Amino acid sequence: MDPKQAQLLREIQQLEFVAVELTLFLDTHPGEQEPLNDYNLVTNHLNQLKAHYEKMYGPLAVYGFSPMEYPWRWTDGPWPWETTHY
């Protein structure tokens, strides 16, 4: 995996972590506006990064998040989690 791909994947993983943490916080503090704003910013940025990653390197998941182009590329390696560049 090239360094740019590994860095982009790391950023996606970091934002996914932040999104999960904000979700858990909002589950117990549903009336808090600032964390909700942060969640919306994070998920918007996360979706943009995922779209960029998939355009450059192929799909992150095979189950309905991204349209697939011909030929089927899901089995082209390496898999998104097969990296040692963390």
PDB file of N, CA and C in Angstrom:
ATOM      1  N   MET A   1       0.857  -1.171   0.000  1.00  0.00           N
ATOM      2  CA  MET A   1       0.000   0.000   0.000  1.00  0.00           C
ATOM      3  C   MET A   1       0.902   1.233   0.000  1.00  0.00           C
ATOM      4  N   ASP A   2       0.613   2.160  -0.900  1.00  0.00           N
ATOM      5  CA  ASP A   2       1.464   3.341  -0.960  1.00  0.00           C
ATOM      6  C   ASP A   2       1.188   4.249   0.246  1.00  0.00           C
ATOM      7  N   PRO A   3       2.141   5.103   0.604  1.00  0.00           N
ATOM      8  CA  PRO A   3       2.005   5.939   1.800  1.00  0.00           C
ATOM      9  C   PRO A   3       0.785   6.868   1.771  1.00  0.00           C
ATOM     10  N   LYS A   4       0.427   7.395   0.607  1.00  0.00           N
ATOM     11  CA  LYS A   4      -0.750   8.270   0.523  1.00  0.00           C
ATOM     12  C   LYS A   4      -2.026   7.503   0.824  1.00  0.00           C
ATOM     13  N   GLN A   5      -2.112   6.282   0.317  1.00  0.00           N
ATOM     14  CA  GLN A   5      -3.278   5.446   0.573  1.00  0.00           C
ATOM     15  C   GLN A   5      -3.363   5.105   2.061  1.00  0.00           C
ATOM     16  N   ALA A   6      -2.243   4.746   2.652  1.00  0.00           N
ATOM     17  CA  ALA A   6      -2.217   4.405   4.073  1.00  0.00           C
ATOM     18  C   ALA A   6      -2.613   5.603   4.930  1.00  0.00           C
ATOM     19  N   GLN A   7      -2.134   6.793   4.577  1.00  0.00           N
ATOM     20  CA  GLN A   7      -2.472   8.006   5.331  1.00  0.00           C
ATOM     21  C   GLN A   7      -3.964   8.309   5.225  1.00  0.00           C
ATOM     22  N   LEU A   8      -4.522   8.184   4.047  1.00  0.00           N
ATOM     23  CA  LEU A   8      -5.942   8.446   3.857  1.00  0.00           C
ATOM     24  C   LEU A   8      -6.787   7.445   4.641  1.00  0.00           C
ATOM     25  N   LEU A   9      -6.398   6.192   4.617  1.00  0.00           N
ATOM     26  CA  LEU A   9      -7.106   5.174   5.379  1.00  0.00           C
ATOM     27  C   LEU A   9      -7.019   5.460   6.874  1.00  0.00           C
ATOM     28  N   ARG A  10      -5.871   5.892   7.355  1.00  0.00           N
ATOM     29  CA  ARG A  10      -5.708   6.254   8.766  1.00  0.00           C
ATOM     30  C   ARG A  10      -6.623   7.418   9.135  1.00  0.00           C
ATOM     31  N   GLU A  11      -6.705   8.423   8.281  1.00  0.00           N
ATOM     32  CA  GLU A  11      -7.591   9.561   8.548  1.00  0.00           C
ATOM     33  C   GLU A  11      -9.046   9.113   8.605  1.00  0.00           C
ATOM     34  N   ILE A  12      -9.437   8.214   7.723  1.00  0.00           N
ATOM     35  CA  ILE A  12     -10.801   7.683   7.734  1.00  0.00           C
ATOM     36  C   ILE A  12     -11.056   6.951   9.043  1.00  0.00           C
ATOM     37  N   GLN A  13     -10.126   6.133   9.470  1.00  0.00           N
ATOM     38  CA  GLN A  13     -10.289   5.395  10.719  1.00  0.00           C
ATOM     39  C   GLN A  13     -10.386   6.341  11.913  1.00  0.00           C
ATOM     40  N   GLN A  14      -9.589   7.382  11.922  1.00  0.00           N
ATOM     41  CA  GLN A  14      -9.633   8.351  13.015  1.00  0.00           C
ATOM     42  C   GLN A  14     -10.988   9.060  13.067  1.00  0.00           C
ATOM     43  N   LEU A  15     -11.476   9.478  11.912  1.00  0.00           N
ATOM     44  CA  LEU A  15     -12.772  10.157  11.882  1.00  0.00           C
ATOM     45  C   LEU A  15     -13.910   9.209  12.244  1.00  0.00           C
ATOM     46  N   GLU A  16     -13.802   7.945  11.856  1.00  0.00           N
ATOM     47  CA  GLU A  16     -14.819   6.978  12.260  1.00  0.00           C
ATOM     48  C   GLU A  16     -14.837   6.826  13.777  1.00  0.00           C
ATOM     49  N   PHE A  17     -13.675   6.817  14.397  1.00  0.00           N
ATOM     50  CA  PHE A  17     -13.597   6.739  15.851  1.00  0.00           C
ATOM     51  C   PHE A  17     -14.269   7.952  16.494  1.00  0.00           C
ATOM     52  N   VAL A  18     -13.954   9.138  15.995  1.00  0.00           N
ATOM     53  CA  VAL A  18     -14.555  10.363  16.527  1.00  0.00           C
ATOM     54  C   VAL A  18     -16.076  10.328  16.353  1.00  0.00           C
ATOM     55  N   ALA A  19     -16.542   9.868  15.202  1.00  0.00           N
ATOM     56  CA  ALA A  19     -17.986   9.797  14.951  1.00  0.00           C
ATOM     57  C   ALA A  19     -18.665   8.845  15.932  1.00  0.00           C
ATOM     58  N   VAL A  20     -18.048   7.706  16.200  1.00  0.00           N
ATOM     59  CA  VAL A  20     -18.618   6.757  17.167  1.00  0.00           C
ATOM     60  C   VAL A  20     -18.651   7.379  18.562  1.00  0.00           C
ATOM     61  N   GLU A  21     -17.568   8.026  18.959  1.00  0.00           N
ATOM     62  CA  GLU A  21     -17.526   8.648  20.284  1.00  0.00           C
ATOM     63  C   GLU A  21     -18.586   9.748  20.416  1.00  0.00           C
ATOM     64  N   LEU A  22     -18.734  10.560  19.390  1.00  0.00           N
ATOM     65  CA  LEU A  22     -19.759  11.600  19.428  1.00  0.00           C
ATOM     66  C   LEU A  22     -21.159  10.990  19.466  1.00  0.00           C
ATOM     67  N   THR A  23     -21.368   9.891  18.758  1.00  0.00           N
ATOM     68  CA  THR A  23     -22.650   9.205  18.786  1.00  0.00           C
ATOM     69  C   THR A  23     -22.968   8.729  20.200  1.00  0.00           C
ATOM     70  N   LEU A  24     -21.981   8.131  20.852  1.00  0.00           N
ATOM     71  CA  LEU A  24     -22.191   7.658  22.219  1.00  0.00           C
ATOM     72  C   LEU A  24     -22.495   8.816  23.161  1.00  0.00           C
ATOM     73  N   PHE A  25     -21.791   9.924  22.996  1.00  0.00           N
ATOM     74  CA  PHE A  25     -22.052  11.104  23.832  1.00  0.00           C
ATOM     75  C   PHE A  25     -23.456  11.633  23.590  1.00  0.00           C
ATOM     76  N   LEU A  26     -23.834  11.730  22.335  1.00  0.00           N
ATOM     77  CA  LEU A  26     -25.157  12.265  22.003  1.00  0.00           C
ATOM     78  C   LEU A  26     -26.286  11.338  22.453  1.00  0.00           C
ATOM     79  N   ASP A  27     -26.012  10.043  22.571  1.00  0.00           N
ATOM     80  CA  ASP A  27     -27.013   9.123  23.103  1.00  0.00           C
ATOM     81  C   ASP A  27     -27.394   9.481  24.537  1.00  0.00           C
ATOM     82  N   THR A  28     -26.440  10.011  25.296  1.00  0.00           N
ATOM     83  CA  THR A  28     -26.711  10.365  26.692  1.00  0.00           C
ATOM     84  C   THR A  28     -26.903  11.863  26.906  1.00  0.00           C
ATOM     85  N   HIS A  29     -26.652  12.666  25.887  1.00  0.00           N
ATOM     86  CA  HIS A  29     -26.809  14.118  25.956  1.00  0.00           C
ATOM     87  C   HIS A  29     -27.499  14.626  24.682  1.00  0.00           C
ATOM     88  N   PRO A  30     -28.712  14.178  24.414  1.00  0.00           N
ATOM     89  CA  PRO A  30     -29.354  14.486  23.129  1.00  0.00           C
ATOM     90  C   PRO A  30     -29.668  15.969  22.910  1.00  0.00           C
ATOM     91  N   GLY A  31     -29.685  16.757  23.948  1.00  0.00           N
ATOM     92  CA  GLY A  31     -30.022  18.171  23.804  1.00  0.00           C
ATOM     93  C   GLY A  31     -28.832  19.081  23.597  1.00  0.00           C
ATOM     94  N   GLU A  32     -27.650  18.523  23.478  1.00  0.00           N
ATOM     95  CA  GLU A  32     -26.431  19.326  23.319  1.00  0.00           C
ATOM     96  C   GLU A  32     -26.216  19.682  21.853  1.00  0.00           C
ATOM     97  N   GLN A  33     -26.246  20.962  21.549  1.00  0.00           N
ATOM     98  CA  GLN A  33     -26.122  21.416  20.169  1.00  0.00           C
ATOM     99  C   GLN A  33     -24.695  21.341  19.636  1.00  0.00           C
ATOM    100  N   GLU A  34     -23.715  21.754  20.428  1.00  0.00           N
ATOM    101  CA  GLU A  34     -22.329  21.797  19.933  1.00  0.00           C
ATOM    102  C   GLU A  34     -21.803  20.415  19.544  1.00  0.00           C
ATOM    103  N   PRO A  35     -21.997  19.380  20.365  1.00  0.00           N
ATOM    104  CA  PRO A  35     -21.543  18.055  19.929  1.00  0.00           C
ATOM    105  C   PRO A  35     -22.286  17.565  18.680  1.00  0.00           C
ATOM    106  N   LEU A  36     -23.545  17.939  18.539  1.00  0.00           N
ATOM    107  CA  LEU A  36     -24.292  17.570  17.330  1.00  0.00           C
ATOM    108  C   LEU A  36     -23.695  18.267  16.110  1.00  0.00           C
ATOM    109  N   ASN A  37     -23.325  19.529  16.264  1.00  0.00           N
ATOM    110  CA  ASN A  37     -22.662  20.243  15.176  1.00  0.00           C
ATOM    111  C   ASN A  37     -21.331  19.574  14.819  1.00  0.00           C
ATOM    112  N   ASP A  38     -20.577  19.185  15.856  1.00  0.00           N
ATOM    113  CA  ASP A  38     -19.307  18.492  15.627  1.00  0.00           C
ATOM    114  C   ASP A  38     -19.536  17.172  14.899  1.00  0.00           C
ATOM    115  N   TYR A  39     -20.549  16.429  15.317  1.00  0.00           N
ATOM    116  CA  TYR A  39     -20.871  15.157  14.676  1.00  0.00           C
ATOM    117  C   TYR A  39     -21.170  15.369  13.196  1.00  0.00           C
ATOM    118  N   ASN A  40     -21.981  16.364  12.892  1.00  0.00           N
ATOM    119  CA  ASN A  40     -22.328  16.631  11.489  1.00  0.00           C
ATOM    120  C   ASN A  40     -21.108  17.036  10.670  1.00  0.00           C
ATOM    121  N   LEU A  41     -20.217  17.827  11.252  1.00  0.00           N
ATOM    122  CA  LEU A  41     -18.983  18.206  10.550  1.00  0.00           C
ATOM    123  C   LEU A  41     -18.100  16.983  10.306  1.00  0.00           C
ATOM    124  N   VAL A  42     -17.953  16.154  11.333  1.00  0.00           N
ATOM    125  CA  VAL A  42     -17.105  14.968  11.223  1.00  0.00           C
ATOM    126  C   VAL A  42     -17.660  14.009  10.181  1.00  0.00           C
ATOM    127  N   THR A  43     -18.959  13.739  10.230  1.00  0.00           N
ATOM    128  CA  THR A  43     -19.520  12.781   9.280  1.00  0.00           C
ATOM    129  C   THR A  43     -19.483  13.318   7.851  1.00  0.00           C
ATOM    130  N   ASN A  44     -19.651  14.611   7.683  1.00  0.00           N
ATOM    131  CA  ASN A  44     -19.542  15.199   6.348  1.00  0.00           C
ATOM    132  C   ASN A  44     -18.117  15.024   5.811  1.00  0.00           C
ATOM    133  N   HIS A  45     -17.132  15.356   6.635  1.00  0.00           N
ATOM    134  CA  HIS A  45     -15.729  15.198   6.229  1.00  0.00           C
ATOM    135  C   HIS A  45     -15.411  13.725   5.987  1.00  0.00           C
ATOM    136  N   LEU A  46     -15.914  12.851   6.848  1.00  0.00           N
ATOM    137  CA  LEU A  46     -15.699  11.416   6.702  1.00  0.00           C
ATOM    138  C   LEU A  46     -16.251  10.906   5.373  1.00  0.00           C
ATOM    139  N   ASN A  47     -17.449  11.312   5.034  1.00  0.00           N
ATOM    140  CA  ASN A  47     -18.046  10.883   3.761  1.00  0.00           C
ATOM    141  C   ASN A  47     -17.238  11.386   2.565  1.00  0.00           C
ATOM    142  N   GLN A  48     -16.711  12.603   2.672  1.00  0.00           N
ATOM    143  CA  GLN A  48     -15.874  13.143   1.591  1.00  0.00           C
ATOM    144  C   GLN A  48     -14.581  12.341   1.444  1.00  0.00           C
ATOM    145  N   LEU A  49     -13.955  12.018   2.586  1.00  0.00           N
ATOM    146  CA  LEU A  49     -12.720  11.240   2.528  1.00  0.00           C
ATOM    147  C   LEU A  49     -12.957   9.833   1.989  1.00  0.00           C
ATOM    148  N   LYS A  50     -14.064   9.219   2.396  1.00  0.00           N
ATOM    149  CA  LYS A  50     -14.381   7.886   1.894  1.00  0.00           C
ATOM    150  C   LYS A  50     -14.615   7.912   0.384  1.00  0.00           C
ATOM    151  N   ALA A  51     -15.328   8.920  -0.089  1.00  0.00           N
ATOM    152  CA  ALA A  51     -15.572   9.037  -1.527  1.00  0.00           C
ATOM    153  C   ALA A  51     -14.257   9.233  -2.277  1.00  0.00           C
ATOM    154  N   HIS A  52     -13.374  10.053  -1.731  1.00  0.00           N
ATOM    155  CA  HIS A  52     -12.064  10.276  -2.363  1.00  0.00           C
ATOM    156  C   HIS A  52     -11.245   8.984  -2.361  1.00  0.00           C
ATOM    157  N   TYR A  53     -11.225   8.290  -1.227  1.00  0.00           N
ATOM    158  CA  TYR A  53     -10.480   7.029  -1.144  1.00  0.00           C
ATOM    159  C   TYR A  53     -10.989   6.043  -2.187  1.00  0.00           C
ATOM    160  N   GLU A  54     -12.295   5.896  -2.266  1.00  0.00           N
ATOM    161  CA  GLU A  54     -12.866   4.917  -3.192  1.00  0.00           C
ATOM    162  C   GLU A  54     -12.627   5.302  -4.644  1.00  0.00           C
ATOM    163  N   LYS A  55     -12.593   6.580  -4.934  1.00  0.00           N
ATOM    164  CA  LYS A  55     -12.290   7.016  -6.296  1.00  0.00           C
ATOM    165  C   LYS A  55     -10.843   6.686  -6.661  1.00  0.00           C
ATOM    166  N   MET A  56      -9.949   6.841  -5.686  1.00  0.00           N
ATOM    167  CA  MET A  56      -8.529   6.626  -5.938  1.00  0.00           C
ATOM    168  C   MET A  56      -8.112   5.154  -5.840  1.00  0.00           C
ATOM    169  N   TYR A  57      -8.682   4.423  -4.868  1.00  0.00           N
ATOM    170  CA  TYR A  57      -8.148   3.101  -4.536  1.00  0.00           C
ATOM    171  C   TYR A  57      -9.167   1.964  -4.592  1.00  0.00           C
ATOM    172  N   GLY A  58     -10.411   2.273  -4.815  1.00  0.00           N
ATOM    173  CA  GLY A  58     -11.411   1.220  -4.851  1.00  0.00           C
ATOM    174  C   GLY A  58     -12.260   1.216  -3.586  1.00  0.00           C
ATOM    175  N   PRO A  59     -13.250   0.351  -3.548  1.00  0.00           N
ATOM    176  CA  PRO A  59     -14.235   0.362  -2.469  1.00  0.00           C
ATOM    177  C   PRO A  59     -13.662  -0.028  -1.113  1.00  0.00           C
ATOM    178  N   LEU A  60     -14.198   0.583  -0.076  1.00  0.00           N
ATOM    179  CA  LEU A  60     -13.862   0.234   1.296  1.00  0.00           C
ATOM    180  C   LEU A  60     -14.740  -0.898   1.811  1.00  0.00           C
ATOM    181  N   ALA A  61     -15.921  -1.020   1.263  1.00  0.00           N
ATOM    182  CA  ALA A  61     -16.864  -2.067   1.667  1.00  0.00           C
ATOM    183  C   ALA A  61     -17.607  -2.538   0.424  1.00  0.00           C
ATOM    184  N   VAL A  62     -18.036  -3.772   0.447  1.00  0.00           N
ATOM    185  CA  VAL A  62     -18.678  -4.339  -0.730  1.00  0.00           C
ATOM    186  C   VAL A  62     -20.203  -4.329  -0.627  1.00  0.00           C
ATOM    187  N   TYR A  63     -20.741  -3.961   0.472  1.00  0.00           N
ATOM    188  CA  TYR A  63     -22.164  -4.154   0.710  1.00  0.00           C
ATOM    189  C   TYR A  63     -23.000  -2.885   0.614  1.00  0.00           C
ATOM    190  N   GLY A  64     -22.985  -2.280  -0.544  1.00  0.00           N
ATOM    191  CA  GLY A  64     -23.965  -1.261  -0.856  1.00  0.00           C
ATOM    192  C   GLY A  64     -23.634   0.182  -0.578  1.00  0.00           C
ATOM    193  N   PHE A  65     -22.417   0.506  -0.176  1.00  0.00           N
ATOM    194  CA  PHE A  65     -22.106   1.903   0.096  1.00  0.00           C
ATOM    195  C   PHE A  65     -21.610   2.644  -1.135  1.00  0.00           C
ATOM    196  N   SER A  66     -21.101   1.916  -2.085  1.00  0.00           N
ATOM    197  CA  SER A  66     -20.528   2.548  -3.259  1.00  0.00           C
ATOM    198  C   SER A  66     -20.934   1.796  -4.509  1.00  0.00           C
ATOM    199  N   PRO A  67     -21.257   2.532  -5.559  1.00  0.00           N
ATOM    200  CA  PRO A  67     -21.488   1.838  -6.826  1.00  0.00           C
ATOM    201  C   PRO A  67     -20.176   1.240  -7.308  1.00  0.00           C
ATOM    202  N   MET A  68     -20.275   0.153  -8.017  1.00  0.00           N
ATOM    203  CA  MET A  68     -19.079  -0.528  -8.508  1.00  0.00           C
ATOM    204  C   MET A  68     -18.958  -0.306 -10.009  1.00  0.00           C
ATOM    205  N   GLU A  69     -17.742  -0.171 -10.456  1.00  0.00           N
ATOM    206  CA  GLU A  69     -17.468  -0.010 -11.876  1.00  0.00           C
ATOM    207  C   GLU A  69     -17.042  -1.350 -12.455  1.00  0.00           C
ATOM    208  N   TYR A  70     -17.131  -1.455 -13.766  1.00  0.00           N
ATOM    209  CA  TYR A  70     -16.647  -2.643 -14.453  1.00  0.00           C
ATOM    210  C   TYR A  70     -15.160  -2.470 -14.715  1.00  0.00           C
ATOM    211  N   PRO A  71     -14.343  -3.428 -14.528  1.00  0.00           N
ATOM    212  CA  PRO A  71     -14.658  -4.743 -13.988  1.00  0.00           C
ATOM    213  C   PRO A  71     -14.765  -4.694 -12.462  1.00  0.00           C
ATOM    214  N   TRP A  72     -15.340  -5.731 -11.893  1.00  0.00           N
ATOM    215  CA  TRP A  72     -15.495  -5.857 -10.447  1.00  0.00           C
ATOM    216  C   TRP A  72     -14.125  -5.760  -9.791  1.00  0.00           C
ATOM    217  N   ARG A  73     -13.925  -4.760  -8.903  1.00  0.00           N
ATOM    218  CA  ARG A  73     -12.603  -4.504  -8.340  1.00  0.00           C
ATOM    219  C   ARG A  73     -12.467  -4.916  -6.880  1.00  0.00           C
ATOM    220  N   TRP A  74     -13.524  -5.397  -6.276  1.00  0.00           N
ATOM    221  CA  TRP A  74     -13.466  -5.668  -4.842  1.00  0.00           C
ATOM    222  C   TRP A  74     -12.369  -6.668  -4.485  1.00  0.00           C
ATOM    223  N   THR A  75     -12.116  -7.620  -5.343  1.00  0.00           N
ATOM    224  CA  THR A  75     -11.124  -8.643  -5.018  1.00  0.00           C
ATOM    225  C   THR A  75      -9.700  -8.243  -5.379  1.00  0.00           C
ATOM    226  N   ASP A  76      -9.523  -7.075  -5.994  1.00  0.00           N
ATOM    227  CA  ASP A  76      -8.170  -6.586  -6.260  1.00  0.00           C
ATOM    228  C   ASP A  76      -7.530  -6.212  -4.930  1.00  0.00           C
ATOM    229  N   GLY A  77      -6.305  -6.597  -4.727  1.00  0.00           N
ATOM    230  CA  GLY A  77      -5.661  -6.354  -3.439  1.00  0.00           C
ATOM    231  C   GLY A  77      -4.871  -5.075  -3.416  1.00  0.00           C
ATOM    232  N   PRO A  78      -4.398  -4.713  -2.263  1.00  0.00           N
ATOM    233  CA  PRO A  78      -4.683  -5.364  -1.007  1.00  0.00           C
ATOM    234  C   PRO A  78      -6.024  -4.907  -0.441  1.00  0.00           C
ATOM    235  N   TRP A  79      -6.550  -5.684   0.480  1.00  0.00           N
ATOM    236  CA  TRP A  79      -7.791  -5.312   1.151  1.00  0.00           C
ATOM    237  C   TRP A  79      -7.546  -4.074   2.005  1.00  0.00           C
ATOM    238  N   PRO A  80      -8.561  -3.269   2.271  1.00  0.00           N
ATOM    239  CA  PRO A  80      -8.342  -2.039   3.042  1.00  0.00           C
ATOM    240  C   PRO A  80      -7.653  -2.262   4.390  1.00  0.00           C
ATOM    241  N   TRP A  81      -7.872  -3.393   5.013  1.00  0.00           N
ATOM    242  CA  TRP A  81      -7.293  -3.643   6.338  1.00  0.00           C
ATOM    243  C   TRP A  81      -5.931  -4.336   6.261  1.00  0.00           C
ATOM    244  N   GLU A  82      -5.479  -4.656   5.080  1.00  0.00           N
ATOM    245  CA  GLU A  82      -4.205  -5.332   4.924  1.00  0.00           C
ATOM    246  C   GLU A  82      -3.077  -4.326   4.714  1.00  0.00           C
ATOM    247  N   THR A  83      -2.746  -3.644   5.756  1.00  0.00           N
ATOM    248  CA  THR A  83      -1.646  -2.696   5.687  1.00  0.00           C
ATOM    249  C   THR A  83      -0.843  -2.777   6.970  1.00  0.00           C
ATOM    250  N   THR A  84       0.436  -2.589   6.853  1.00  0.00           N
ATOM    251  CA  THR A  84       1.301  -2.550   8.030  1.00  0.00           C
ATOM    252  C   THR A  84       1.813  -1.141   8.260  1.00  0.00           C
ATOM    253  N   HIS A  85       1.276  -0.162   7.548  1.00  0.00           N
ATOM    254  CA  HIS A  85       1.739   1.230   7.642  1.00  0.00           C
ATOM    255  C   HIS A  85       0.835   2.058   8.527  1.00  0.00           C
ATOM    256  N   TYR A  86       0.611   1.648   9.747  1.00  0.00           N
ATOM    257  CA  TYR A  86      -0.252   2.422  10.661  1.00  0.00           C
ATOM    258  C   TYR A  86       0.530   3.412  11.442  1.00  0.00           C
TER     259      TYR A  86
END
